[in-house]
Amino acid sequence: MNKKDLINFKKILMQKRIEFLNKTSNIQREIDADADTNIGDEMDTASQNSEKEMHFELVANDKITLDAINDALVKIEKGTYGNCECCSNVILVERLKAIPWTKYCIKCQSESENLQNRK
């Protein structure tokens, strides 16, 4: 991968990082606002609890993605970005364009998913 590609991927990753941080922050504000308005009957409370649970799941998923983005940014600095963590082969640029924070080449990702599906 050339230096220009690395610079572009770094910009993309940093922008995505900001987007996820903003999204997580907004969700947290919604959770905090909902906590202040716990008024209603049992159905309202159940609905509010369901919404809170959904928000917590979104935050957890975003945290996983944020961690992967941060890992990718570290790899750019180390000079290992774009290498599969499993087999060390180069990850196709097309795959990195689709998911810039991916850790695995298509082959290793597929094998990992197949193993998880068998469990």
N, C-alpha and C. Protein backbone atom coordinates (compact mmCIF):
# COMPACT_ATOMS: atom_id res chain seq x y z
N MET A 1 0.85 -1.17 0.00
CA MET A 1 0.00 0.00 0.00
C MET A 1 0.90 1.24 0.00
N ASN A 2 0.54 2.20 -0.83
CA ASN A 2 1.38 3.38 -0.93
C ASN A 2 1.01 4.41 0.15
N LYS A 3 1.89 5.40 0.27
CA LYS A 3 1.75 6.42 1.33
C LYS A 3 0.45 7.22 1.17
N LYS A 4 0.07 7.51 -0.08
CA LYS A 4 -1.15 8.27 -0.33
C LYS A 4 -2.38 7.49 0.16
N ASP A 5 -2.40 6.18 -0.10
CA ASP A 5 -3.51 5.35 0.38
C ASP A 5 -3.57 5.37 1.91
N LEU A 6 -2.42 5.24 2.54
CA LEU A 6 -2.38 5.26 4.01
C LEU A 6 -2.91 6.57 4.58
N ILE A 7 -2.53 7.67 3.96
CA ILE A 7 -3.02 8.99 4.41
C ILE A 7 -4.53 9.06 4.26
N ASN A 8 -5.04 8.56 3.13
CA ASN A 8 -6.49 8.58 2.90
C ASN A 8 -7.22 7.70 3.91
N PHE A 9 -6.68 6.50 4.17
CA PHE A 9 -7.32 5.63 5.14
C PHE A 9 -7.27 6.23 6.54
N LYS A 10 -6.19 6.89 6.87
CA LYS A 10 -6.09 7.54 8.19
C LYS A 10 -7.16 8.63 8.32
N LYS A 11 -7.36 9.42 7.27
CA LYS A 11 -8.39 10.46 7.30
C LYS A 11 -9.78 9.84 7.47
N ILE A 12 -10.04 8.78 6.72
CA ILE A 12 -11.34 8.10 6.80
C ILE A 12 -11.56 7.55 8.21
N LEU A 13 -10.55 6.88 8.74
CA LEU A 13 -10.67 6.30 10.08
C LEU A 13 -10.87 7.37 11.15
N MET A 14 -10.17 8.47 11.04
CA MET A 14 -10.33 9.54 12.02
C MET A 14 -11.73 10.16 11.93
N GLN A 15 -12.24 10.31 10.71
CA GLN A 15 -13.60 10.84 10.54
C GLN A 15 -14.63 9.87 11.11
N LYS A 16 -14.47 8.59 10.82
CA LYS A 16 -15.39 7.57 11.36
C LYS A 16 -15.33 7.55 12.88
N ARG A 17 -14.15 7.72 13.42
CA ARG A 17 -13.98 7.75 14.87
C ARG A 17 -14.79 8.90 15.47
N ILE A 18 -14.69 10.06 14.87
CA ILE A 18 -15.46 11.22 15.35
C ILE A 18 -16.95 10.94 15.25
N GLU A 19 -17.39 10.35 14.13
CA GLU A 19 -18.81 10.04 13.95
C GLU A 19 -19.31 9.09 15.03
N PHE A 20 -18.54 8.04 15.32
CA PHE A 20 -18.96 7.08 16.33
C PHE A 20 -18.93 7.69 17.73
N LEU A 21 -17.94 8.52 18.01
CA LEU A 21 -17.89 9.19 19.31
C LEU A 21 -19.10 10.12 19.49
N ASN A 22 -19.44 10.86 18.45
CA ASN A 22 -20.61 11.75 18.51
C ASN A 22 -21.90 10.95 18.68
N LYS A 23 -22.00 9.86 17.93
CA LYS A 23 -23.20 9.02 18.02
C LYS A 23 -23.34 8.44 19.42
N THR A 24 -22.26 7.93 19.97
CA THR A 24 -22.29 7.35 21.31
C THR A 24 -22.64 8.41 22.34
N SER A 25 -22.08 9.59 22.18
CA SER A 25 -22.37 10.69 23.10
C SER A 25 -23.85 11.08 23.03
N ASN A 26 -24.40 11.14 21.83
CA ASN A 26 -25.82 11.48 21.66
C ASN A 26 -26.72 10.42 22.30
N ILE A 27 -26.37 9.15 22.12
CA ILE A 27 -27.16 8.07 22.72
C ILE A 27 -27.09 8.17 24.24
N GLN A 28 -25.92 8.47 24.77
CA GLN A 28 -25.78 8.60 26.22
C GLN A 28 -26.64 9.75 26.74
N ARG A 29 -26.68 10.85 26.00
CA ARG A 29 -27.54 11.98 26.41
C ARG A 29 -29.00 11.57 26.42
N GLU A 30 -29.41 10.77 25.41
CA GLU A 30 -30.80 10.29 25.37
C GLU A 30 -31.10 9.41 26.57
N ILE A 31 -30.17 8.54 26.92
CA ILE A 31 -30.37 7.66 28.07
C ILE A 31 -30.50 8.50 29.33
N ASP A 32 -29.62 9.49 29.48
CA ASP A 32 -29.68 10.36 30.66
C ASP A 32 -30.98 11.15 30.71
N ALA A 33 -31.43 11.64 29.55
CA ALA A 33 -32.69 12.40 29.50
C ALA A 33 -33.87 11.50 29.84
N ASP A 34 -33.85 10.27 29.35
CA ASP A 34 -34.93 9.33 29.65
C ASP A 34 -34.97 9.00 31.14
N ALA A 35 -33.81 8.95 31.78
CA ALA A 35 -33.76 8.64 33.20
C ALA A 35 -34.44 9.73 34.02
N ASP A 36 -34.41 10.95 33.50
CA ASP A 36 -35.01 12.08 34.21
C ASP A 36 -36.53 12.12 34.04
N THR A 37 -37.06 11.38 33.07
CA THR A 37 -38.49 11.43 32.77
C THR A 37 -39.15 10.07 32.96
N ASN A 38 -38.86 9.39 34.04
CA ASN A 38 -39.45 8.09 34.32
C ASN A 38 -40.83 8.27 34.96
N ILE A 39 -41.81 8.65 34.13
CA ILE A 39 -43.17 8.87 34.61
C ILE A 39 -44.08 8.00 33.76
N GLY A 40 -45.06 7.39 34.41
CA GLY A 40 -46.03 6.61 33.66
C GLY A 40 -46.37 5.32 34.36
N ASP A 41 -47.22 4.56 33.68
CA ASP A 41 -47.66 3.28 34.25
C ASP A 41 -46.67 2.17 33.90
N GLU A 42 -47.05 0.94 34.20
CA GLU A 42 -46.17 -0.19 33.96
C GLU A 42 -45.82 -0.36 32.48
N MET A 43 -46.75 -0.11 31.61
CA MET A 43 -46.50 -0.24 30.17
C MET A 43 -45.48 0.80 29.70
N ASP A 44 -45.62 2.02 30.19
CA ASP A 44 -44.66 3.07 29.86
C ASP A 44 -43.27 2.71 30.36
N THR A 45 -43.22 2.22 31.58
CA THR A 45 -41.93 1.83 32.17
C THR A 45 -41.30 0.70 31.38
N ALA A 46 -42.10 -0.29 31.00
CA ALA A 46 -41.58 -1.41 30.21
C ALA A 46 -41.05 -0.92 28.87
N SER A 47 -41.77 -0.03 28.24
CA SER A 47 -41.34 0.53 26.95
C SER A 47 -40.05 1.32 27.11
N GLN A 48 -39.97 2.13 28.17
CA GLN A 48 -38.75 2.91 28.43
C GLN A 48 -37.57 1.99 28.70
N ASN A 49 -37.80 0.92 29.45
CA ASN A 49 -36.71 -0.02 29.74
C ASN A 49 -36.24 -0.72 28.47
N SER A 50 -37.18 -1.05 27.60
CA SER A 50 -36.83 -1.68 26.33
C SER A 50 -35.98 -0.74 25.47
N GLU A 51 -36.36 0.52 25.44
CA GLU A 51 -35.59 1.52 24.69
C GLU A 51 -34.20 1.70 25.28
N LYS A 52 -34.11 1.73 26.60
CA LYS A 52 -32.81 1.86 27.25
C LYS A 52 -31.91 0.68 26.91
N GLU A 53 -32.48 -0.51 26.92
CA GLU A 53 -31.70 -1.71 26.60
C GLU A 53 -31.17 -1.64 25.16
N MET A 54 -32.03 -1.17 24.25
CA MET A 54 -31.62 -1.02 22.86
C MET A 54 -30.48 0.00 22.75
N HIS A 55 -30.59 1.09 23.47
CA HIS A 55 -29.54 2.11 23.46
C HIS A 55 -28.23 1.56 24.01
N PHE A 56 -28.30 0.78 25.08
CA PHE A 56 -27.10 0.19 25.65
C PHE A 56 -26.43 -0.76 24.65
N GLU A 57 -27.24 -1.53 23.92
CA GLU A 57 -26.69 -2.43 22.90
C GLU A 57 -26.02 -1.65 21.78
N LEU A 58 -26.63 -0.55 21.37
CA LEU A 58 -26.04 0.29 20.33
C LEU A 58 -24.70 0.85 20.80
N VAL A 59 -24.66 1.31 22.03
CA VAL A 59 -23.42 1.86 22.57
C VAL A 59 -22.35 0.77 22.64
N ALA A 60 -22.73 -0.43 23.05
CA ALA A 60 -21.77 -1.54 23.14
C ALA A 60 -21.22 -1.89 21.76
N ASN A 61 -22.10 -1.94 20.75
CA ASN A 61 -21.65 -2.23 19.39
C ASN A 61 -20.75 -1.13 18.85
N ASP A 62 -21.11 0.10 19.15
CA ASP A 62 -20.27 1.23 18.71
C ASP A 62 -18.91 1.20 19.40
N LYS A 63 -18.88 0.77 20.64
CA LYS A 63 -17.62 0.67 21.39
C LYS A 63 -16.70 -0.36 20.73
N ILE A 64 -17.25 -1.46 20.28
CA ILE A 64 -16.47 -2.48 19.58
C ILE A 64 -15.88 -1.89 18.29
N THR A 65 -16.70 -1.16 17.55
CA THR A 65 -16.23 -0.54 16.31
C THR A 65 -15.19 0.52 16.61
N LEU A 66 -15.41 1.33 17.64
CA LEU A 66 -14.43 2.36 18.02
C LEU A 66 -13.09 1.73 18.38
N ASP A 67 -13.13 0.63 19.11
CA ASP A 67 -11.88 -0.07 19.45
C ASP A 67 -11.16 -0.55 18.19
N ALA A 68 -11.92 -1.06 17.23
CA ALA A 68 -11.32 -1.54 15.98
C ALA A 68 -10.73 -0.37 15.18
N ILE A 69 -11.42 0.76 15.19
CA ILE A 69 -10.91 1.95 14.50
C ILE A 69 -9.61 2.42 15.16
N ASN A 70 -9.61 2.47 16.49
CA ASN A 70 -8.39 2.87 17.20
C ASN A 70 -7.24 1.91 16.92
N ASP A 71 -7.54 0.62 16.88
CA ASP A 71 -6.51 -0.38 16.55
C ASP A 71 -5.95 -0.14 15.15
N ALA A 72 -6.84 0.18 14.21
CA ALA A 72 -6.39 0.43 12.83
C ALA A 72 -5.50 1.66 12.76
N LEU A 73 -5.84 2.70 13.52
CA LEU A 73 -5.01 3.91 13.53
C LEU A 73 -3.63 3.62 14.12
N VAL A 74 -3.57 2.77 15.13
CA VAL A 74 -2.28 2.38 15.71
C VAL A 74 -1.48 1.60 14.67
N LYS A 75 -2.14 0.72 13.94
CA LYS A 75 -1.45 -0.06 12.91
C LYS A 75 -0.87 0.83 11.82
N ILE A 76 -1.58 1.90 11.48
CA ILE A 76 -1.05 2.84 10.49
C ILE A 76 0.26 3.42 11.00
N GLU A 77 0.27 3.82 12.26
CA GLU A 77 1.48 4.39 12.85
C GLU A 77 2.62 3.37 12.92
N LYS A 78 2.29 2.11 13.18
CA LYS A 78 3.30 1.05 13.28
C LYS A 78 3.75 0.54 11.92
N GLY A 79 2.97 0.84 10.88
CA GLY A 79 3.31 0.35 9.55
C GLY A 79 2.78 -1.05 9.26
N THR A 80 1.79 -1.50 10.05
CA THR A 80 1.23 -2.83 9.84
C THR A 80 -0.21 -2.80 9.33
N TYR A 81 -0.71 -1.62 9.04
CA TYR A 81 -2.09 -1.49 8.57
C TYR A 81 -2.25 -2.20 7.23
N GLY A 82 -3.36 -2.92 7.12
CA GLY A 82 -3.66 -3.61 5.86
C GLY A 82 -3.17 -5.04 5.83
N ASN A 83 -2.60 -5.51 6.93
CA ASN A 83 -2.17 -6.91 7.02
C ASN A 83 -3.15 -7.67 7.89
N CYS A 84 -3.54 -8.85 7.46
CA CYS A 84 -4.46 -9.70 8.19
C CYS A 84 -3.83 -10.12 9.52
N GLU A 85 -4.60 -10.01 10.60
CA GLU A 85 -4.09 -10.39 11.91
C GLU A 85 -3.96 -11.91 12.07
N CYS A 86 -4.61 -12.64 11.20
CA CYS A 86 -4.58 -14.10 11.31
C CYS A 86 -3.45 -14.71 10.47
N CYS A 87 -3.43 -14.38 9.19
CA CYS A 87 -2.47 -15.02 8.28
C CYS A 87 -1.35 -14.09 7.83
N SER A 88 -1.44 -12.83 8.19
CA SER A 88 -0.45 -11.80 7.85
C SER A 88 -0.42 -11.42 6.37
N ASN A 89 -1.32 -11.98 5.57
CA ASN A 89 -1.40 -11.59 4.17
C ASN A 89 -1.97 -10.18 4.05
N VAL A 90 -1.74 -9.56 2.92
CA VAL A 90 -2.26 -8.21 2.68
C VAL A 90 -3.77 -8.28 2.45
N ILE A 91 -4.49 -7.40 3.12
CA ILE A 91 -5.94 -7.29 2.93
C ILE A 91 -6.17 -6.46 1.67
N LEU A 92 -7.07 -6.91 0.81
CA LEU A 92 -7.35 -6.20 -0.43
C LEU A 92 -7.82 -4.77 -0.14
N VAL A 93 -7.35 -3.84 -0.94
CA VAL A 93 -7.71 -2.43 -0.77
C VAL A 93 -9.23 -2.25 -0.87
N GLU A 94 -9.86 -3.02 -1.74
CA GLU A 94 -11.32 -2.92 -1.88
C GLU A 94 -12.02 -3.26 -0.56
N ARG A 95 -11.49 -4.25 0.14
CA ARG A 95 -12.06 -4.61 1.44
C ARG A 95 -11.82 -3.50 2.45
N LEU A 96 -10.63 -2.94 2.45
CA LEU A 96 -10.33 -1.84 3.37
C LEU A 96 -11.19 -0.61 3.06
N LYS A 97 -11.49 -0.40 1.79
CA LYS A 97 -12.37 0.73 1.44
C LYS A 97 -13.77 0.51 1.99
N ALA A 98 -14.22 -0.74 1.99
CA ALA A 98 -15.56 -1.06 2.50
C ALA A 98 -15.60 -1.01 4.03
N ILE A 99 -14.56 -1.57 4.66
CA ILE A 99 -14.48 -1.61 6.13
C ILE A 99 -13.04 -1.27 6.51
N PRO A 100 -12.73 0.02 6.63
CA PRO A 100 -11.35 0.43 6.87
C PRO A 100 -10.74 -0.10 8.16
N TRP A 101 -11.55 -0.50 9.12
CA TRP A 101 -11.04 -0.99 10.40
C TRP A 101 -11.01 -2.52 10.47
N THR A 102 -11.22 -3.18 9.32
CA THR A 102 -11.22 -4.64 9.32
C THR A 102 -9.86 -5.18 9.74
N LYS A 103 -9.87 -6.32 10.42
CA LYS A 103 -8.64 -6.92 10.93
C LYS A 103 -8.21 -8.13 10.11
N TYR A 104 -9.13 -8.65 9.32
CA TYR A 104 -8.87 -9.91 8.63
C TYR A 104 -9.13 -9.82 7.13
N CYS A 105 -8.39 -10.62 6.39
CA CYS A 105 -8.66 -10.75 4.96
C CYS A 105 -9.99 -11.51 4.80
N ILE A 106 -10.51 -11.52 3.60
CA ILE A 106 -11.80 -12.16 3.36
C ILE A 106 -11.76 -13.64 3.73
N LYS A 107 -10.69 -14.33 3.37
CA LYS A 107 -10.58 -15.77 3.63
C LYS A 107 -10.63 -16.05 5.14
N CYS A 108 -9.81 -15.34 5.91
CA CYS A 108 -9.77 -15.56 7.36
C CYS A 108 -11.08 -15.14 8.03
N GLN A 109 -11.69 -14.07 7.56
CA GLN A 109 -12.97 -13.63 8.11
C GLN A 109 -14.04 -14.69 7.86
N SER A 110 -14.08 -15.24 6.65
CA SER A 110 -15.05 -16.28 6.31
C SER A 110 -14.85 -17.52 7.17
N GLU A 111 -13.60 -17.92 7.34
CA GLU A 111 -13.31 -19.09 8.17
C GLU A 111 -13.74 -18.86 9.61
N SER A 112 -13.50 -17.67 10.12
CA SER A 112 -13.89 -17.33 11.48
C SER A 112 -15.41 -17.38 11.64
N GLU A 113 -16.12 -16.82 10.67
CA GLU A 113 -17.59 -16.83 10.72
C GLU A 113 -18.13 -18.25 10.61
N ASN A 114 -17.52 -19.08 9.77
CA ASN A 114 -17.95 -20.47 9.64
C ASN A 114 -17.77 -21.22 10.95
N LEU A 115 -16.67 -20.98 11.64
CA LEU A 115 -16.43 -21.63 12.94
C LEU A 115 -17.47 -21.19 13.96
N GLN A 116 -17.80 -19.91 13.96
CA GLN A 116 -18.79 -19.38 14.91
C GLN A 116 -20.17 -19.95 14.61
N ASN A 117 -20.50 -20.13 13.34
CA ASN A 117 -21.81 -20.66 12.96
C ASN A 117 -21.95 -22.13 13.35
N ARG A 118 -20.85 -22.85 13.45
CA ARG A 118 -20.90 -24.27 13.81
C ARG A 118 -21.13 -24.48 15.30
N LYS A 119 -20.84 -23.47 16.10
CA LYS A 119 -20.96 -23.61 17.56
C LYS A 119 -22.39 -23.64 18.00
